[in-house]
Amino acid sequence: MRFVIQRVSSAKVEVDNNITGEINDGFLVFIGVADTDTKDIADKMVKKMCGLRIFGDEQGKTNLSLKDVDGGLLLVSQFTLYADCKKGNRPSFIRAGKPDFANDMYEYIISISKEYTDKVETGIFGANMKISLVNSGPFTIILDSEEICSRS
């Protein structure tokens, strides 16, 4: 499982010119799922994501978590996080989770994220989405379950 987390001052997702999700201060999170992922992995990834202390405190140090700043989450599925570009110029996506499984995991991630904040917005799985954001910092973090879960 891979999360690309961007600290944002605002972000929104549109599908067919309709806003499906929108937040102010918080995280825009692109989520990639592999067929080898589990709910246990998702639990660990969401806990790690929501615990990240990457918001500035009174002294300007990155010392505050999502909860500390009453931040929101905008969760967007993105199978392309598993692109394999080793051979040729056309990426392969065979490591990405099969759509039904990946959608189930995405929905599970949404549900457990609501345990950390009541401000959870989403894109639409499998849709052609337009993402707008103001990255605050810029601040972008990549969480990969192969690294996060092997250290637990």
C-alpha atoms as a PDB file:
ATOM      1  CA  MET A   1       0.000   0.000   0.000  1.00  0.00           C
ATOM      2  CA  ARG A   2       1.256   3.437  -0.837  1.00  0.00           C
ATOM      3  CA  PHE A   3       0.089   6.840   0.380  1.00  0.00           C
ATOM      4  CA  VAL A   4       1.316  10.086  -1.110  1.00  0.00           C
ATOM      5  CA  ILE A   5       0.393  12.694   1.481  1.00  0.00           C
ATOM      6  CA  GLN A   6       0.378  16.379   0.698  1.00  0.00           C
ATOM      7  CA  ARG A   7      -0.155  18.930   3.443  1.00  0.00           C
ATOM      8  CA  VAL A   8      -2.624  21.391   1.962  1.00  0.00           C
ATOM      9  CA  SER A   9      -4.325  24.630   2.856  1.00  0.00           C
ATOM     10  CA  SER A  10      -7.073  23.644   0.400  1.00  0.00           C
ATOM     11  CA  ALA A  11      -7.844  20.808  -1.999  1.00  0.00           C
ATOM     12  CA  LYS A  12     -10.780  19.532  -4.009  1.00  0.00           C
ATOM     13  CA  VAL A  13     -11.719  16.718  -6.366  1.00  0.00           C
ATOM     14  CA  GLU A  14     -14.092  17.149  -9.291  1.00  0.00           C
ATOM     15  CA  VAL A  15     -15.727  14.480 -11.438  1.00  0.00           C
ATOM     16  CA  ASP A  16     -17.720  15.622 -14.467  1.00  0.00           C
ATOM     17  CA  ASN A  17     -17.552  19.235 -13.205  1.00  0.00           C
ATOM     18  CA  ASN A  18     -19.074  18.258  -9.842  1.00  0.00           C
ATOM     19  CA  ILE A  19     -17.097  18.594  -6.604  1.00  0.00           C
ATOM     20  CA  THR A  20     -17.014  15.186  -4.886  1.00  0.00           C
ATOM     21  CA  GLY A  21     -14.699  16.163  -2.046  1.00  0.00           C
ATOM     22  CA  GLU A  22     -13.178  19.345  -0.670  1.00  0.00           C
ATOM     23  CA  ILE A  23     -11.133  20.287   2.404  1.00  0.00           C
ATOM     24  CA  ASN A  24      -9.269  23.216   3.822  1.00  0.00           C
ATOM     25  CA  ASP A  25      -6.275  22.617   6.111  1.00  0.00           C
ATOM     26  CA  GLY A  26      -5.334  18.949   6.134  1.00  0.00           C
ATOM     27  CA  PHE A  27      -3.989  16.172   3.941  1.00  0.00           C
ATOM     28  CA  LEU A  28      -4.688  15.351   0.326  1.00  0.00           C
ATOM     29  CA  VAL A  29      -3.823  11.649   0.172  1.00  0.00           C
ATOM     30  CA  PHE A  30      -3.349   9.607  -2.992  1.00  0.00           C
ATOM     31  CA  ILE A  31      -3.820   5.919  -2.184  1.00  0.00           C
ATOM     32  CA  GLY A  32      -2.402   2.989  -4.121  1.00  0.00           C
ATOM     33  CA  VAL A  33      -3.391  -0.573  -3.236  1.00  0.00           C
ATOM     34  CA  ALA A  34      -1.658  -3.839  -4.162  1.00  0.00           C
ATOM     35  CA  ASP A  35      -3.274  -7.294  -4.143  1.00  0.00           C
ATOM     36  CA  THR A  36      -1.008  -8.266  -1.246  1.00  0.00           C
ATOM     37  CA  ASP A  37      -2.426  -5.573   1.050  1.00  0.00           C
ATOM     38  CA  THR A  38      -4.590  -6.389   4.069  1.00  0.00           C
ATOM     39  CA  LYS A  39      -6.848  -4.569   6.510  1.00  0.00           C
ATOM     40  CA  ASP A  40      -4.083  -4.873   9.094  1.00  0.00           C
ATOM     41  CA  ILE A  41      -1.718  -3.027   6.743  1.00  0.00           C
ATOM     42  CA  ALA A  42      -4.383  -0.381   6.108  1.00  0.00           C
ATOM     43  CA  ASP A  43      -4.862   0.088   9.864  1.00  0.00           C
ATOM     44  CA  LYS A  44      -1.144   0.683  10.363  1.00  0.00           C
ATOM     45  CA  MET A  45      -0.878   3.035   7.395  1.00  0.00           C
ATOM     46  CA  VAL A  46      -3.840   5.177   8.463  1.00  0.00           C
ATOM     47  CA  LYS A  47      -2.594   5.334  12.053  1.00  0.00           C
ATOM     48  CA  LYS A  48       0.842   6.437  10.850  1.00  0.00           C
ATOM     49  CA  MET A  49      -0.634   8.994   8.431  1.00  0.00           C
ATOM     50  CA  CYS A  50      -2.942  10.558  10.995  1.00  0.00           C
ATOM     51  CA  GLY A  51      -0.197  10.666  13.607  1.00  0.00           C
ATOM     52  CA  LEU A  52       2.288  12.510  11.405  1.00  0.00           C
ATOM     53  CA  ARG A  53       3.306  15.731  13.096  1.00  0.00           C
ATOM     54  CA  ILE A  54       3.837  17.920  10.044  1.00  0.00           C
ATOM     55  CA  PHE A  55       1.829  21.029  10.894  1.00  0.00           C
ATOM     56  CA  GLY A  56       3.544  24.068  12.376  1.00  0.00           C
ATOM     57  CA  ASP A  57       3.230  24.967  16.053  1.00  0.00           C
ATOM     58  CA  GLU A  58       3.492  28.474  17.584  1.00  0.00           C
ATOM     59  CA  GLN A  59       7.258  28.443  17.003  1.00  0.00           C
ATOM     60  CA  GLY A  60       6.869  27.326  13.388  1.00  0.00           C
ATOM     61  CA  LYS A  61       8.221  23.826  14.080  1.00  0.00           C
ATOM     62  CA  THR A  62       6.488  20.858  12.463  1.00  0.00           C
ATOM     63  CA  ASN A  63       5.148  19.498  15.709  1.00  0.00           C
ATOM     64  CA  LEU A  64       1.366  19.203  15.318  1.00  0.00           C
ATOM     65  CA  SER A  65      -0.743  16.337  13.981  1.00  0.00           C
ATOM     66  CA  LEU A  66      -3.918  16.363  11.931  1.00  0.00           C
ATOM     67  CA  LYS A  67      -6.004  16.138  15.114  1.00  0.00           C
ATOM     68  CA  ASP A  68      -4.085  19.007  16.738  1.00  0.00           C
ATOM     69  CA  VAL A  69      -5.055  21.367  13.900  1.00  0.00           C
ATOM     70  CA  ASP A  70      -8.570  19.925  13.429  1.00  0.00           C
ATOM     71  CA  GLY A  71      -7.544  19.063   9.868  1.00  0.00           C
ATOM     72  CA  GLY A  72      -9.395  17.180   7.195  1.00  0.00           C
ATOM     73  CA  LEU A  73      -8.556  14.325   4.862  1.00  0.00           C
ATOM     74  CA  LEU A  74      -9.223  14.211   1.137  1.00  0.00           C
ATOM     75  CA  LEU A  75      -8.678  10.582   0.107  1.00  0.00           C
ATOM     76  CA  VAL A  76      -8.189   9.778  -3.587  1.00  0.00           C
ATOM     77  CA  SER A  77      -7.602   6.328  -5.078  1.00  0.00           C
ATOM     78  CA  GLN A  78      -4.689   6.213  -7.519  1.00  0.00           C
ATOM     79  CA  PHE A  79      -3.615   2.874  -8.969  1.00  0.00           C
ATOM     80  CA  THR A  80      -0.790   4.601 -10.874  1.00  0.00           C
ATOM     81  CA  LEU A  81       1.222   4.691  -7.639  1.00  0.00           C
ATOM     82  CA  TYR A  82       2.130   1.124  -8.579  1.00  0.00           C
ATOM     83  CA  ALA A  83       3.450   1.999 -12.035  1.00  0.00           C
ATOM     84  CA  ASP A  84       6.442  -0.087 -13.068  1.00  0.00           C
ATOM     85  CA  CYS A  85       8.617   1.932 -15.444  1.00  0.00           C
ATOM     86  CA  LYS A  86      11.632  -0.409 -15.598  1.00  0.00           C
ATOM     87  CA  LYS A  87      11.105  -1.594 -19.167  1.00  0.00           C
ATOM     88  CA  GLY A  88      10.229   0.595 -22.124  1.00  0.00           C
ATOM     89  CA  ASN A  89       8.313   3.835 -21.970  1.00  0.00           C
ATOM     90  CA  ARG A  90       4.831   2.550 -21.275  1.00  0.00           C
ATOM     91  CA  PRO A  91       4.305   1.878 -17.556  1.00  0.00           C
ATOM     92  CA  SER A  92       2.991  -1.481 -16.421  1.00  0.00           C
ATOM     93  CA  PHE A  93       0.386  -1.592 -13.663  1.00  0.00           C
ATOM     94  CA  ILE A  94       0.367  -5.321 -12.929  1.00  0.00           C
ATOM     95  CA  ARG A  95       1.416  -4.667  -9.304  1.00  0.00           C
ATOM     96  CA  ALA A  96      -1.675  -2.525  -8.679  1.00  0.00           C
ATOM     97  CA  GLY A  97      -4.558  -4.237  -6.913  1.00  0.00           C
ATOM     98  CA  LYS A  98      -7.393  -5.657  -8.979  1.00  0.00           C
ATOM     99  CA  PRO A  99     -10.240  -3.108  -9.130  1.00  0.00           C
ATOM    100  CA  ASP A 100     -12.776  -4.888  -6.891  1.00  0.00           C
ATOM    101  CA  PHE A 101     -10.199  -5.626  -4.199  1.00  0.00           C
ATOM    102  CA  ALA A 102      -8.624  -2.165  -4.434  1.00  0.00           C
ATOM    103  CA  ASN A 103     -12.037  -0.495  -4.164  1.00  0.00           C
ATOM    104  CA  ASP A 104     -12.891  -2.564  -1.085  1.00  0.00           C
ATOM    105  CA  MET A 105      -9.578  -1.558   0.523  1.00  0.00           C
ATOM    106  CA  TYR A 106     -10.125   2.101  -0.422  1.00  0.00           C
ATOM    107  CA  GLU A 107     -13.579   2.025   1.201  1.00  0.00           C
ATOM    108  CA  TYR A 108     -12.066   0.381   4.276  1.00  0.00           C
ATOM    109  CA  ILE A 109      -9.387   3.101   4.486  1.00  0.00           C
ATOM    110  CA  ILE A 110     -12.118   5.751   4.280  1.00  0.00           C
ATOM    111  CA  SER A 111     -14.060   4.108   7.107  1.00  0.00           C
ATOM    112  CA  ILE A 112     -11.111   3.772   9.483  1.00  0.00           C
ATOM    113  CA  SER A 113      -9.910   7.298   8.705  1.00  0.00           C
ATOM    114  CA  LYS A 114     -13.174   8.536  10.214  1.00  0.00           C
ATOM    115  CA  GLU A 115     -11.926   7.234  13.568  1.00  0.00           C
ATOM    116  CA  TYR A 116      -9.232   9.939  13.462  1.00  0.00           C
ATOM    117  CA  THR A 117     -11.223  12.881  12.060  1.00  0.00           C
ATOM    118  CA  ASP A 118     -14.815  13.557  11.157  1.00  0.00           C
ATOM    119  CA  LYS A 119     -13.594  15.632   8.195  1.00  0.00           C
ATOM    120  CA  VAL A 120     -13.100  12.919   5.573  1.00  0.00           C
ATOM    121  CA  GLU A 121     -13.819  13.713   1.928  1.00  0.00           C
ATOM    122  CA  THR A 122     -13.177  11.518  -1.105  1.00  0.00           C
ATOM    123  CA  GLY A 123     -12.837  11.200  -4.806  1.00  0.00           C
ATOM    124  CA  ILE A 124     -14.683   8.499  -6.751  1.00  0.00           C
ATOM    125  CA  PHE A 125     -12.907   5.184  -7.249  1.00  0.00           C
ATOM    126  CA  GLY A 126     -12.036   4.577 -10.896  1.00  0.00           C
ATOM    127  CA  ALA A 127     -13.350   7.934 -12.108  1.00  0.00           C
ATOM    128  CA  ASN A 128     -11.467  10.483 -14.189  1.00  0.00           C
ATOM    129  CA  MET A 129     -10.868  13.032 -11.450  1.00  0.00           C
ATOM    130  CA  LYS A 130      -9.600  16.600 -11.588  1.00  0.00           C
ATOM    131  CA  ILE A 131      -7.606  17.518  -8.490  1.00  0.00           C
ATOM    132  CA  SER A 132      -6.959  21.087  -7.381  1.00  0.00           C
ATOM    133  CA  LEU A 133      -4.767  21.853  -4.404  1.00  0.00           C
ATOM    134  CA  VAL A 134      -2.675  24.412  -2.624  1.00  0.00           C
ATOM    135  CA  ASN A 135       0.250  22.479  -1.170  1.00  0.00           C
ATOM    136  CA  SER A 136       1.280  24.146   2.073  1.00  0.00           C
ATOM    137  CA  GLY A 137       5.047  24.201   2.352  1.00  0.00           C
ATOM    138  CA  PRO A 138       5.281  22.441  -0.049  1.00  0.00           C
ATOM    139  CA  PHE A 139       5.124  19.380   2.137  1.00  0.00           C
ATOM    140  CA  THR A 140       4.789  15.918   0.587  1.00  0.00           C
ATOM    141  CA  ILE A 141       5.410  12.590   2.339  1.00  0.00           C
ATOM    142  CA  ILE A 142       5.351   9.098   0.849  1.00  0.00           C
ATOM    143  CA  LEU A 143       4.320   6.194   3.059  1.00  0.00           C
ATOM    144  CA  ASP A 144       4.972   2.716   1.689  1.00  0.00           C
ATOM    145  CA  SER A 145       3.689  -0.292   3.623  1.00  0.00           C
ATOM    146  CA  GLU A 146       6.847  -2.228   2.742  1.00  0.00           C
ATOM    147  CA  GLU A 147       8.733   0.274   4.914  1.00  0.00           C
ATOM    148  CA  ILE A 148       6.101   1.181   7.506  1.00  0.00           C
ATOM    149  CA  CYS A 149       4.822  -2.306   8.291  1.00  0.00           C
ATOM    150  CA  SER A 150       8.190  -4.054   8.296  1.00  0.00           C
ATOM    151  CA  ARG A 151       9.379  -1.834  11.171  1.00  0.00           C
ATOM    152  CA  SER A 152       6.412  -2.423  13.470  1.00  0.00           C
END
